[in-house]
Amino acid sequence: MQRIKHLLFLILVTVLIASCSQYDKVLNKGSIEEQYKMAVKLYEAQKYSKALRLFEKVTPAYRGKPQMERIQYMVSQSNFNVKNYAESAYYFDRFAKNYPKSSKVEEARFLAALSFYKAAPVFSLDPTDTYKALEAFQGFIDEYPNSDKLPEANQYYGELRFKLEQKAFEIAKTYYRTAEYDPRNYKASMVAFDNLLSDYLGTSFKEEALYYKLKAAHDYAMKSTNRKKLERIELAVKAYEKFKRNFPESEFMKDSDKMLSALQNEQKQLVKS
């Protein structure tokens, strides 16, 4: 039994060596046709990394020829399958633009958007790919309203939008948190919260955004010089009124009422003086 296992192992090693030898031979010295055939064979066998190396070799020779449509799609799909998402996004997008009448153009547009989605980092980092993915999914949704991929596209779009909302919210909160050391950031935080609410209508961060805008306006007014305090108190009171109008039952209402009371007391003292 042990001998049989040893023999099978030797046969497997021999086959693998021969296979690698054949691959290297075709890769380095094979004709364009041999390289193309092996690339397709490896692609179909799901050996995408090896297939990509061969596709790189044959692409210049097939540019402008009928086979190029298939090659470009396989290159796109191979990059996607080995998680080279930046490359797959580029190639799927290019495929859709180069072959708008292809039977695979709908799939290519969806996978281009999905590639951007997978390439996008967490919300706290550079949002460039997030914006690209959002735009790509919006384009897909608009162009293919009856696609069976529509539910997925809408789901990804919602996740991406939330990621951008979260980033905008955290930036505004950061301005508020750092205003203790740089008072100019009180105003910056209020502007940032306003931008969040106008850029993302219906955002799930609306309640917190209005609350933190009120906190920023309250602190900004209370720490201002007497010459500017009255005007800023009025702005803070308006922020309170807007918050209460939108979220009268908010868990932050009790704290908001305290801020209003402090603002009104300060306002009375200033008027008396």
C-alpha atoms as a PDB file:
ATOM      1  CA  MET A   1       0.000   0.000   0.000  1.00  0.00           C
ATOM      2  CA  GLN A   2       2.840   2.332   0.911  1.00  0.00           C
ATOM      3  CA  ARG A   3       4.530   1.601  -2.432  1.00  0.00           C
ATOM      4  CA  ILE A   4       1.340   2.451  -4.316  1.00  0.00           C
ATOM      5  CA  LYS A   5       1.063   5.787  -2.492  1.00  0.00           C
ATOM      6  CA  HIS A   6       4.702   6.531  -3.251  1.00  0.00           C
ATOM      7  CA  LEU A   7       4.190   5.662  -6.922  1.00  0.00           C
ATOM      8  CA  LEU A   8       1.106   7.867  -7.166  1.00  0.00           C
ATOM      9  CA  PHE A   9       3.019  10.734  -5.570  1.00  0.00           C
ATOM     10  CA  LEU A  10       5.842  10.359  -8.094  1.00  0.00           C
ATOM     11  CA  ILE A  11       3.359  10.310 -10.977  1.00  0.00           C
ATOM     12  CA  LEU A  12       1.662  13.470  -9.659  1.00  0.00           C
ATOM     13  CA  VAL A  13       4.984  15.273  -9.281  1.00  0.00           C
ATOM     14  CA  THR A  14       6.013  14.209 -12.786  1.00  0.00           C
ATOM     15  CA  VAL A  15       2.732  15.490 -14.256  1.00  0.00           C
ATOM     16  CA  LEU A  16       3.054  18.798 -12.429  1.00  0.00           C
ATOM     17  CA  ILE A  17       6.644  19.269 -13.588  1.00  0.00           C
ATOM     18  CA  ALA A  18       5.673  18.426 -17.156  1.00  0.00           C
ATOM     19  CA  SER A  19       2.718  20.793 -16.952  1.00  0.00           C
ATOM     20  CA  CYS A  20       4.874  23.648 -15.624  1.00  0.00           C
ATOM     21  CA  SER A  21       7.522  22.903 -18.229  1.00  0.00           C
ATOM     22  CA  GLN A  22       4.884  23.022 -20.980  1.00  0.00           C
ATOM     23  CA  TYR A  23       3.451  26.269 -19.620  1.00  0.00           C
ATOM     24  CA  ASP A  24       6.868  27.941 -19.446  1.00  0.00           C
ATOM     25  CA  LYS A  25       7.696  26.711 -22.925  1.00  0.00           C
ATOM     26  CA  VAL A  26       4.509  28.151 -24.434  1.00  0.00           C
ATOM     27  CA  LEU A  27       4.804  31.354 -22.382  1.00  0.00           C
ATOM     28  CA  ASN A  28       8.358  32.067 -23.480  1.00  0.00           C
ATOM     29  CA  LYS A  29       8.704  30.418 -26.901  1.00  0.00           C
ATOM     30  CA  GLY A  30       5.224  29.452 -28.085  1.00  0.00           C
ATOM     31  CA  SER A  31       3.492  30.973 -31.083  1.00  0.00           C
ATOM     32  CA  ILE A  32       0.734  33.534 -30.597  1.00  0.00           C
ATOM     33  CA  GLU A  33      -1.873  30.896 -31.429  1.00  0.00           C
ATOM     34  CA  GLU A  34      -0.384  28.429 -28.911  1.00  0.00           C
ATOM     35  CA  GLN A  35      -0.297  31.099 -26.231  1.00  0.00           C
ATOM     36  CA  TYR A  36      -3.910  32.064 -26.932  1.00  0.00           C
ATOM     37  CA  LYS A  37      -5.152  28.462 -26.803  1.00  0.00           C
ATOM     38  CA  MET A  38      -3.321  27.780 -23.557  1.00  0.00           C
ATOM     39  CA  ALA A  39      -4.559  31.041 -22.027  1.00  0.00           C
ATOM     40  CA  VAL A  40      -8.163  30.069 -22.766  1.00  0.00           C
ATOM     41  CA  LYS A  41      -7.571  26.542 -21.451  1.00  0.00           C
ATOM     42  CA  LEU A  42      -6.095  27.892 -18.200  1.00  0.00           C
ATOM     43  CA  TYR A  43      -8.917  30.419 -17.866  1.00  0.00           C
ATOM     44  CA  GLU A  44     -11.507  27.657 -18.216  1.00  0.00           C
ATOM     45  CA  ALA A  45      -9.565  25.619 -15.638  1.00  0.00           C
ATOM     46  CA  GLN A  46      -9.788  28.651 -13.295  1.00  0.00           C
ATOM     47  CA  LYS A  47      -6.022  29.130 -13.245  1.00  0.00           C
ATOM     48  CA  TYR A  48      -6.442  32.850 -13.678  1.00  0.00           C
ATOM     49  CA  SER A  49      -3.001  34.145 -12.697  1.00  0.00           C
ATOM     50  CA  LYS A  50      -1.268  31.968 -15.275  1.00  0.00           C
ATOM     51  CA  ALA A  51      -3.920  32.802 -17.863  1.00  0.00           C
ATOM     52  CA  LEU A  52      -3.326  36.523 -17.325  1.00  0.00           C
ATOM     53  CA  ARG A  53       0.378  36.230 -18.097  1.00  0.00           C
ATOM     54  CA  LEU A  54      -0.452  34.602 -21.431  1.00  0.00           C
ATOM     55  CA  PHE A  55      -3.217  37.076 -22.244  1.00  0.00           C
ATOM     56  CA  GLU A  56      -0.701  39.883 -21.731  1.00  0.00           C
ATOM     57  CA  LYS A  57       1.494  38.240 -24.349  1.00  0.00           C
ATOM     58  CA  VAL A  58      -1.193  37.785 -27.011  1.00  0.00           C
ATOM     59  CA  THR A  59      -3.206  41.007 -26.582  1.00  0.00           C
ATOM     60  CA  PRO A  60      -1.095  43.170 -28.947  1.00  0.00           C
ATOM     61  CA  ALA A  61      -1.404  40.577 -31.722  1.00  0.00           C
ATOM     62  CA  TYR A  62      -5.212  40.308 -31.448  1.00  0.00           C
ATOM     63  CA  ARG A  63      -5.981  43.991 -31.026  1.00  0.00           C
ATOM     64  CA  GLY A  64      -8.637  44.965 -33.569  1.00  0.00           C
ATOM     65  CA  LYS A  65      -9.516  41.328 -34.338  1.00  0.00           C
ATOM     66  CA  PRO A  66     -12.737  39.439 -33.459  1.00  0.00           C
ATOM     67  CA  GLN A  67     -11.001  37.425 -30.726  1.00  0.00           C
ATOM     68  CA  MET A  68     -10.203  40.635 -28.841  1.00  0.00           C
ATOM     69  CA  GLU A  69     -13.714  40.925 -27.406  1.00  0.00           C
ATOM     70  CA  ARG A  70     -13.404  37.526 -25.767  1.00  0.00           C
ATOM     71  CA  ILE A  71      -9.843  38.191 -24.604  1.00  0.00           C
ATOM     72  CA  GLN A  72     -10.736  41.493 -22.998  1.00  0.00           C
ATOM     73  CA  TYR A  73     -13.647  39.911 -21.137  1.00  0.00           C
ATOM     74  CA  MET A  74     -11.515  37.007 -19.894  1.00  0.00           C
ATOM     75  CA  VAL A  75      -8.803  39.429 -18.765  1.00  0.00           C
ATOM     76  CA  SER A  76     -11.439  41.430 -16.855  1.00  0.00           C
ATOM     77  CA  GLN A  77     -12.919  38.326 -15.247  1.00  0.00           C
ATOM     78  CA  SER A  78      -9.495  36.874 -14.403  1.00  0.00           C
ATOM     79  CA  ASN A  79      -8.451  40.042 -12.604  1.00  0.00           C
ATOM     80  CA  PHE A  80     -11.728  40.039 -10.694  1.00  0.00           C
ATOM     81  CA  ASN A  81     -11.303  36.407  -9.656  1.00  0.00           C
ATOM     82  CA  VAL A  82      -7.783  36.965  -8.319  1.00  0.00           C
ATOM     83  CA  LYS A  83      -9.033  40.075  -6.464  1.00  0.00           C
ATOM     84  CA  ASN A  84      -7.171  42.610  -8.570  1.00  0.00           C
ATOM     85  CA  TYR A  85     -10.215  44.849  -8.240  1.00  0.00           C
ATOM     86  CA  ALA A  86      -8.671  48.096  -9.466  1.00  0.00           C
ATOM     87  CA  GLU A  87      -7.596  46.311 -12.667  1.00  0.00           C
ATOM     88  CA  SER A  88     -10.890  44.472 -13.132  1.00  0.00           C
ATOM     89  CA  ALA A  89     -12.825  47.736 -12.702  1.00  0.00           C
ATOM     90  CA  TYR A  90     -10.702  49.323 -15.424  1.00  0.00           C
ATOM     91  CA  TYR A  91     -10.994  46.377 -17.840  1.00  0.00           C
ATOM     92  CA  PHE A  92     -14.730  45.771 -17.340  1.00  0.00           C
ATOM     93  CA  ASP A  93     -15.416  49.465 -17.865  1.00  0.00           C
ATOM     94  CA  ARG A  94     -13.222  49.447 -20.958  1.00  0.00           C
ATOM     95  CA  PHE A  95     -14.960  46.313 -22.267  1.00  0.00           C
ATOM     96  CA  ALA A  96     -18.399  47.930 -21.886  1.00  0.00           C
ATOM     97  CA  LYS A  97     -17.232  51.026 -23.768  1.00  0.00           C
ATOM     98  CA  ASN A  98     -15.454  49.073 -26.516  1.00  0.00           C
ATOM     99  CA  TYR A  99     -18.228  46.510 -27.075  1.00  0.00           C
ATOM    100  CA  PRO A 100     -21.556  48.232 -26.306  1.00  0.00           C
ATOM    101  CA  LYS A 101     -23.484  45.661 -28.383  1.00  0.00           C
ATOM    102  CA  SER A 102     -21.915  42.627 -26.710  1.00  0.00           C
ATOM    103  CA  SER A 103     -24.202  40.120 -25.012  1.00  0.00           C
ATOM    104  CA  LYS A 104     -21.991  40.530 -21.933  1.00  0.00           C
ATOM    105  CA  VAL A 105     -22.112  44.317 -21.693  1.00  0.00           C
ATOM    106  CA  GLU A 106     -24.743  44.352 -18.917  1.00  0.00           C
ATOM    107  CA  GLU A 107     -22.727  41.889 -16.850  1.00  0.00           C
ATOM    108  CA  ALA A 108     -19.548  43.878 -17.528  1.00  0.00           C
ATOM    109  CA  ARG A 109     -21.112  47.120 -16.299  1.00  0.00           C
ATOM    110  CA  PHE A 110     -22.329  45.436 -13.122  1.00  0.00           C
ATOM    111  CA  LEU A 111     -18.946  43.821 -12.457  1.00  0.00           C
ATOM    112  CA  ALA A 112     -17.138  47.104 -13.136  1.00  0.00           C
ATOM    113  CA  ALA A 113     -19.277  48.740 -10.435  1.00  0.00           C
ATOM    114  CA  LEU A 114     -18.766  45.772  -8.106  1.00  0.00           C
ATOM    115  CA  SER A 115     -15.005  45.967  -8.666  1.00  0.00           C
ATOM    116  CA  PHE A 116     -14.982  49.628  -7.640  1.00  0.00           C
ATOM    117  CA  TYR A 117     -17.081  48.647  -4.614  1.00  0.00           C
ATOM    118  CA  LYS A 118     -14.615  45.948  -3.559  1.00  0.00           C
ATOM    119  CA  ALA A 119     -11.654  48.265  -4.164  1.00  0.00           C
ATOM    120  CA  ALA A 120     -13.187  50.971  -1.961  1.00  0.00           C
ATOM    121  CA  PRO A 121     -11.566  51.158   1.504  1.00  0.00           C
ATOM    122  CA  VAL A 122     -13.268  51.732   4.850  1.00  0.00           C
ATOM    123  CA  PHE A 123     -15.156  55.014   5.205  1.00  0.00           C
ATOM    124  CA  SER A 124     -12.320  56.762   7.070  1.00  0.00           C
ATOM    125  CA  LEU A 125      -9.872  56.482   4.148  1.00  0.00           C
ATOM    126  CA  ASP A 126      -9.680  57.962   0.639  1.00  0.00           C
ATOM    127  CA  PRO A 127     -13.233  57.861  -0.805  1.00  0.00           C
ATOM    128  CA  THR A 128     -12.192  58.069  -4.488  1.00  0.00           C
ATOM    129  CA  ASP A 129     -13.149  54.475  -5.326  1.00  0.00           C
ATOM    130  CA  THR A 130     -16.322  54.834  -3.266  1.00  0.00           C
ATOM    131  CA  TYR A 131     -17.417  57.750  -5.466  1.00  0.00           C
ATOM    132  CA  LYS A 132     -16.514  55.771  -8.600  1.00  0.00           C
ATOM    133  CA  ALA A 133     -18.498  52.758  -7.390  1.00  0.00           C
ATOM    134  CA  LEU A 134     -21.483  54.936  -6.486  1.00  0.00           C
ATOM    135  CA  GLU A 135     -21.455  56.533  -9.934  1.00  0.00           C
ATOM    136  CA  ALA A 136     -21.046  53.159 -11.648  1.00  0.00           C
ATOM    137  CA  PHE A 137     -23.942  51.549  -9.752  1.00  0.00           C
ATOM    138  CA  GLN A 138     -26.150  54.587 -10.401  1.00  0.00           C
ATOM    139  CA  GLY A 139     -25.341  54.301 -14.109  1.00  0.00           C
ATOM    140  CA  PHE A 140     -26.161  50.591 -14.065  1.00  0.00           C
ATOM    141  CA  ILE A 141     -29.461  51.168 -12.222  1.00  0.00           C
ATOM    142  CA  ASP A 142     -30.475  53.862 -14.712  1.00  0.00           C
ATOM    143  CA  GLU A 143     -29.482  51.865 -17.779  1.00  0.00           C
ATOM    144  CA  TYR A 144     -30.813  48.439 -16.722  1.00  0.00           C
ATOM    145  CA  PRO A 145     -33.973  49.028 -14.641  1.00  0.00           C
ATOM    146  CA  ASN A 146     -35.239  45.517 -15.456  1.00  0.00           C
ATOM    147  CA  SER A 147     -32.002  43.667 -14.744  1.00  0.00           C
ATOM    148  CA  ASP A 148     -32.060  40.669 -12.410  1.00  0.00           C
ATOM    149  CA  LYS A 149     -29.009  42.314 -10.803  1.00  0.00           C
ATOM    150  CA  LEU A 150     -31.038  45.388  -9.840  1.00  0.00           C
ATOM    151  CA  PRO A 151     -31.677  44.320  -6.203  1.00  0.00           C
ATOM    152  CA  GLU A 152     -27.953  43.739  -5.695  1.00  0.00           C
ATOM    153  CA  ALA A 153     -27.064  47.022  -7.375  1.00  0.00           C
ATOM    154  CA  ASN A 154     -29.505  48.911  -5.128  1.00  0.00           C
ATOM    155  CA  GLN A 155     -28.091  47.197  -2.046  1.00  0.00           C
ATOM    156  CA  TYR A 156     -24.496  48.079  -2.941  1.00  0.00           C
ATOM    157  CA  TYR A 157     -25.542  51.628  -3.819  1.00  0.00           C
ATOM    158  CA  GLY A 158     -27.167  52.000  -0.396  1.00  0.00           C
ATOM    159  CA  GLU A 159     -24.059  50.697   1.376  1.00  0.00           C
ATOM    160  CA  LEU A 160     -21.801  53.071  -0.536  1.00  0.00           C
ATOM    161  CA  ARG A 161     -24.038  56.050   0.130  1.00  0.00           C
ATOM    162  CA  PHE A 162     -24.078  55.192   3.836  1.00  0.00           C
ATOM    163  CA  LYS A 163     -20.272  54.995   3.811  1.00  0.00           C
ATOM    164  CA  LEU A 164     -20.040  58.538   2.401  1.00  0.00           C
ATOM    165  CA  GLU A 165     -22.674  59.832   4.834  1.00  0.00           C
ATOM    166  CA  GLN A 166     -20.752  58.291   7.709  1.00  0.00           C
ATOM    167  CA  LYS A 167     -17.517  59.895   6.542  1.00  0.00           C
ATOM    168  CA  ALA A 168     -19.176  63.328   6.235  1.00  0.00           C
ATOM    169  CA  PHE A 169     -20.714  62.924   9.694  1.00  0.00           C
ATOM    170  CA  GLU A 170     -17.413  61.924  11.301  1.00  0.00           C
ATOM    171  CA  ILE A 171     -15.605  64.856   9.660  1.00  0.00           C
ATOM    172  CA  ALA A 172     -18.202  67.266  11.065  1.00  0.00           C
ATOM    173  CA  LYS A 173     -17.911  65.672  14.518  1.00  0.00           C
ATOM    174  CA  THR A 174     -14.132  65.932  14.367  1.00  0.00           C
ATOM    175  CA  TYR A 175     -14.427  69.677  13.759  1.00  0.00           C
ATOM    176  CA  TYR A 176     -16.661  69.918  16.815  1.00  0.00           C
ATOM    177  CA  ARG A 177     -14.365  67.841  19.036  1.00  0.00           C
ATOM    178  CA  THR A 178     -11.305  69.897  18.103  1.00  0.00           C
ATOM    179  CA  ALA A 179     -13.053  73.261  18.507  1.00  0.00           C
ATOM    180  CA  GLU A 180     -12.016  73.308  22.163  1.00  0.00           C
ATOM    181  CA  TYR A 181      -8.458  73.856  20.928  1.00  0.00           C
ATOM    182  CA  ASP A 182      -9.336  75.888  17.834  1.00  0.00           C
ATOM    183  CA  PRO A 183     -12.606  77.863  18.247  1.00  0.00           C
ATOM    184  CA  ARG A 184     -12.823  78.401  14.485  1.00  0.00           C
ATOM    185  CA  ASN A 185     -13.818  74.754  14.226  1.00  0.00           C
ATOM    186  CA  TYR A 186     -17.185  75.455  15.852  1.00  0.00           C
ATOM    187  CA  LYS A 187     -18.228  77.311  12.733  1.00  0.00           C
ATOM    188  CA  ALA A 188     -16.564  74.714  10.505  1.00  0.00           C
ATOM    189  CA  SER A 189     -18.500  71.934  12.217  1.00  0.00           C
ATOM    190  CA  MET A 190     -21.826  73.751  11.743  1.00  0.00           C
ATOM    191  CA  VAL A 191     -21.100  74.210   8.038  1.00  0.00           C
ATOM    192  CA  ALA A 192     -20.074  70.549   7.751  1.00  0.00           C
ATOM    193  CA  PHE A 193     -23.294  69.351   9.415  1.00  0.00           C
ATOM    194  CA  ASP A 194     -25.326  71.597   7.088  1.00  0.00           C
ATOM    195  CA  ASN A 195     -23.497  70.145   4.086  1.00  0.00           C
ATOM    196  CA  LEU A 196     -24.212  66.606   5.284  1.00  0.00           C
ATOM    197  CA  LEU A 197     -27.924  67.336   5.595  1.00  0.00           C
ATOM    198  CA  SER A 198     -28.158  69.032   2.190  1.00  0.00           C
ATOM    199  CA  ASP A 199     -25.969  66.539   0.308  1.00  0.00           C
ATOM    200  CA  TYR A 200     -27.668  63.438   1.747  1.00  0.00           C
ATOM    201  CA  LEU A 201     -31.367  64.159   2.101  1.00  0.00           C
ATOM    202  CA  GLY A 202     -33.026  61.612   4.346  1.00  0.00           C
ATOM    203  CA  THR A 203     -29.733  60.560   5.905  1.00  0.00           C
ATOM    204  CA  SER A 204     -29.915  58.251   8.909  1.00  0.00           C
ATOM    205  CA  PHE A 205     -27.516  60.671  10.654  1.00  0.00           C
ATOM    206  CA  LYS A 206     -30.005  63.559  10.553  1.00  0.00           C
ATOM    207  CA  GLU A 207     -30.970  63.445  14.243  1.00  0.00           C
ATOM    208  CA  GLU A 208     -27.388  63.346  15.487  1.00  0.00           C
ATOM    209  CA  ALA A 209     -26.283  65.921  12.919  1.00  0.00           C
ATOM    210  CA  LEU A 210     -28.918  68.427  14.069  1.00  0.00           C
ATOM    211  CA  TYR A 211     -28.079  67.715  17.705  1.00  0.00           C
ATOM    212  CA  TYR A 212     -24.344  68.208  17.249  1.00  0.00           C
ATOM    213  CA  LYS A 213     -24.954  71.333  15.194  1.00  0.00           C
ATOM    214  CA  LEU A 214     -26.948  72.680  18.154  1.00  0.00           C
ATOM    215  CA  LYS A 215     -24.095  71.767  20.531  1.00  0.00           C
ATOM    216  CA  ALA A 216     -21.585  73.514  18.264  1.00  0.00           C
ATOM    217  CA  ALA A 217     -23.793  76.602  17.957  1.00  0.00           C
ATOM    218  CA  HIS A 218     -24.366  76.657  21.733  1.00  0.00           C
ATOM    219  CA  ASP A 219     -20.676  76.361  22.597  1.00  0.00           C
ATOM    220  CA  TYR A 220     -19.715  78.871  19.898  1.00  0.00           C
ATOM    221  CA  ALA A 221     -22.171  81.436  21.289  1.00  0.00           C
ATOM    222  CA  MET A 222     -21.328  80.900  24.940  1.00  0.00           C
ATOM    223  CA  LYS A 223     -17.606  81.265  24.327  1.00  0.00           C
ATOM    224  CA  SER A 224     -17.935  84.352  22.122  1.00  0.00           C
ATOM    225  CA  THR A 225     -17.119  87.909  23.131  1.00  0.00           C
ATOM    226  CA  ASN A 226     -20.065  90.020  24.263  1.00  0.00           C
ATOM    227  CA  ARG A 227     -19.929  91.980  21.019  1.00  0.00           C
ATOM    228  CA  LYS A 228     -20.820  88.880  18.974  1.00  0.00           C
ATOM    229  CA  LYS A 229     -22.612  86.793  21.577  1.00  0.00           C
ATOM    230  CA  LEU A 230     -26.187  87.988  21.024  1.00  0.00           C
ATOM    231  CA  GLU A 231     -26.117  87.294  17.307  1.00  0.00           C
ATOM    232  CA  ARG A 232     -24.662  83.834  17.871  1.00  0.00           C
ATOM    233  CA  ILE A 233     -27.163  83.033  20.598  1.00  0.00           C
ATOM    234  CA  GLU A 234     -29.950  83.736  18.107  1.00  0.00           C
ATOM    235  CA  LEU A 235     -28.370  81.291  15.655  1.00  0.00           C
ATOM    236  CA  ALA A 236     -28.069  78.667  18.396  1.00  0.00           C
ATOM    237  CA  VAL A 237     -31.729  79.122  19.367  1.00  0.00           C
ATOM    238  CA  LYS A 238     -32.712  78.596  15.717  1.00  0.00           C
ATOM    239  CA  ALA A 239     -30.637  75.403  15.703  1.00  0.00           C
ATOM    240  CA  TYR A 240     -32.536  74.259  18.796  1.00  0.00           C
ATOM    241  CA  GLU A 241     -35.895  75.030  17.201  1.00  0.00           C
ATOM    242  CA  LYS A 242     -35.014  73.085  14.075  1.00  0.00           C
ATOM    243  CA  PHE A 243     -33.854  70.108  16.115  1.00  0.00           C
ATOM    244  CA  LYS A 244     -37.009  70.090  18.253  1.00  0.00           C
ATOM    245  CA  ARG A 245     -39.254  70.506  15.213  1.00  0.00           C
ATOM    246  CA  ASN A 246     -37.729  67.454  13.546  1.00  0.00           C
ATOM    247  CA  PHE A 247     -37.158  65.237  16.599  1.00  0.00           C
ATOM    248  CA  PRO A 248     -39.414  66.289  19.484  1.00  0.00           C
ATOM    249  CA  GLU A 249     -39.119  62.851  21.115  1.00  0.00           C
ATOM    250  CA  SER A 250     -35.346  62.549  20.712  1.00  0.00           C
ATOM    251  CA  GLU A 251     -33.210  61.041  23.460  1.00  0.00           C
ATOM    252  CA  PHE A 252     -31.131  64.230  23.144  1.00  0.00           C
ATOM    253  CA  MET A 253     -34.092  66.497  23.899  1.00  0.00           C
ATOM    254  CA  LYS A 254     -33.392  66.818  27.633  1.00  0.00           C
ATOM    255  CA  ASP A 255     -29.821  67.961  27.007  1.00  0.00           C
ATOM    256  CA  SER A 256     -31.045  70.273  24.243  1.00  0.00           C
ATOM    257  CA  ASP A 257     -33.534  71.905  26.622  1.00  0.00           C
ATOM    258  CA  LYS A 258     -30.689  72.571  29.070  1.00  0.00           C
ATOM    259  CA  MET A 259     -28.688  74.257  26.335  1.00  0.00           C
ATOM    260  CA  LEU A 260     -31.682  76.407  25.374  1.00  0.00           C
ATOM    261  CA  SER A 261     -32.152  77.467  28.989  1.00  0.00           C
ATOM    262  CA  ALA A 262     -28.487  78.437  29.265  1.00  0.00           C
ATOM    263  CA  LEU A 263     -28.709  80.431  26.030  1.00  0.00           C
ATOM    264  CA  GLN A 264     -31.826  82.271  27.150  1.00  0.00           C
ATOM    265  CA  ASN A 265     -30.323  83.132  30.539  1.00  0.00           C
ATOM    266  CA  GLU A 266     -27.196  84.466  28.874  1.00  0.00           C
ATOM    267  CA  GLN A 267     -29.325  86.440  26.442  1.00  0.00           C
ATOM    268  CA  LYS A 268     -31.245  88.073  29.333  1.00  0.00           C
ATOM    269  CA  GLN A 269     -28.027  89.049  31.110  1.00  0.00           C
ATOM    270  CA  LEU A 270     -26.683  90.655  27.941  1.00  0.00           C
ATOM    271  CA  VAL A 271     -29.881  92.586  27.316  1.00  0.00           C
ATOM    272  CA  LYS A 272     -29.858  93.924  30.894  1.00  0.00           C
ATOM    273  CA  SER A 273     -26.287  95.099  30.579  1.00  0.00           C
END
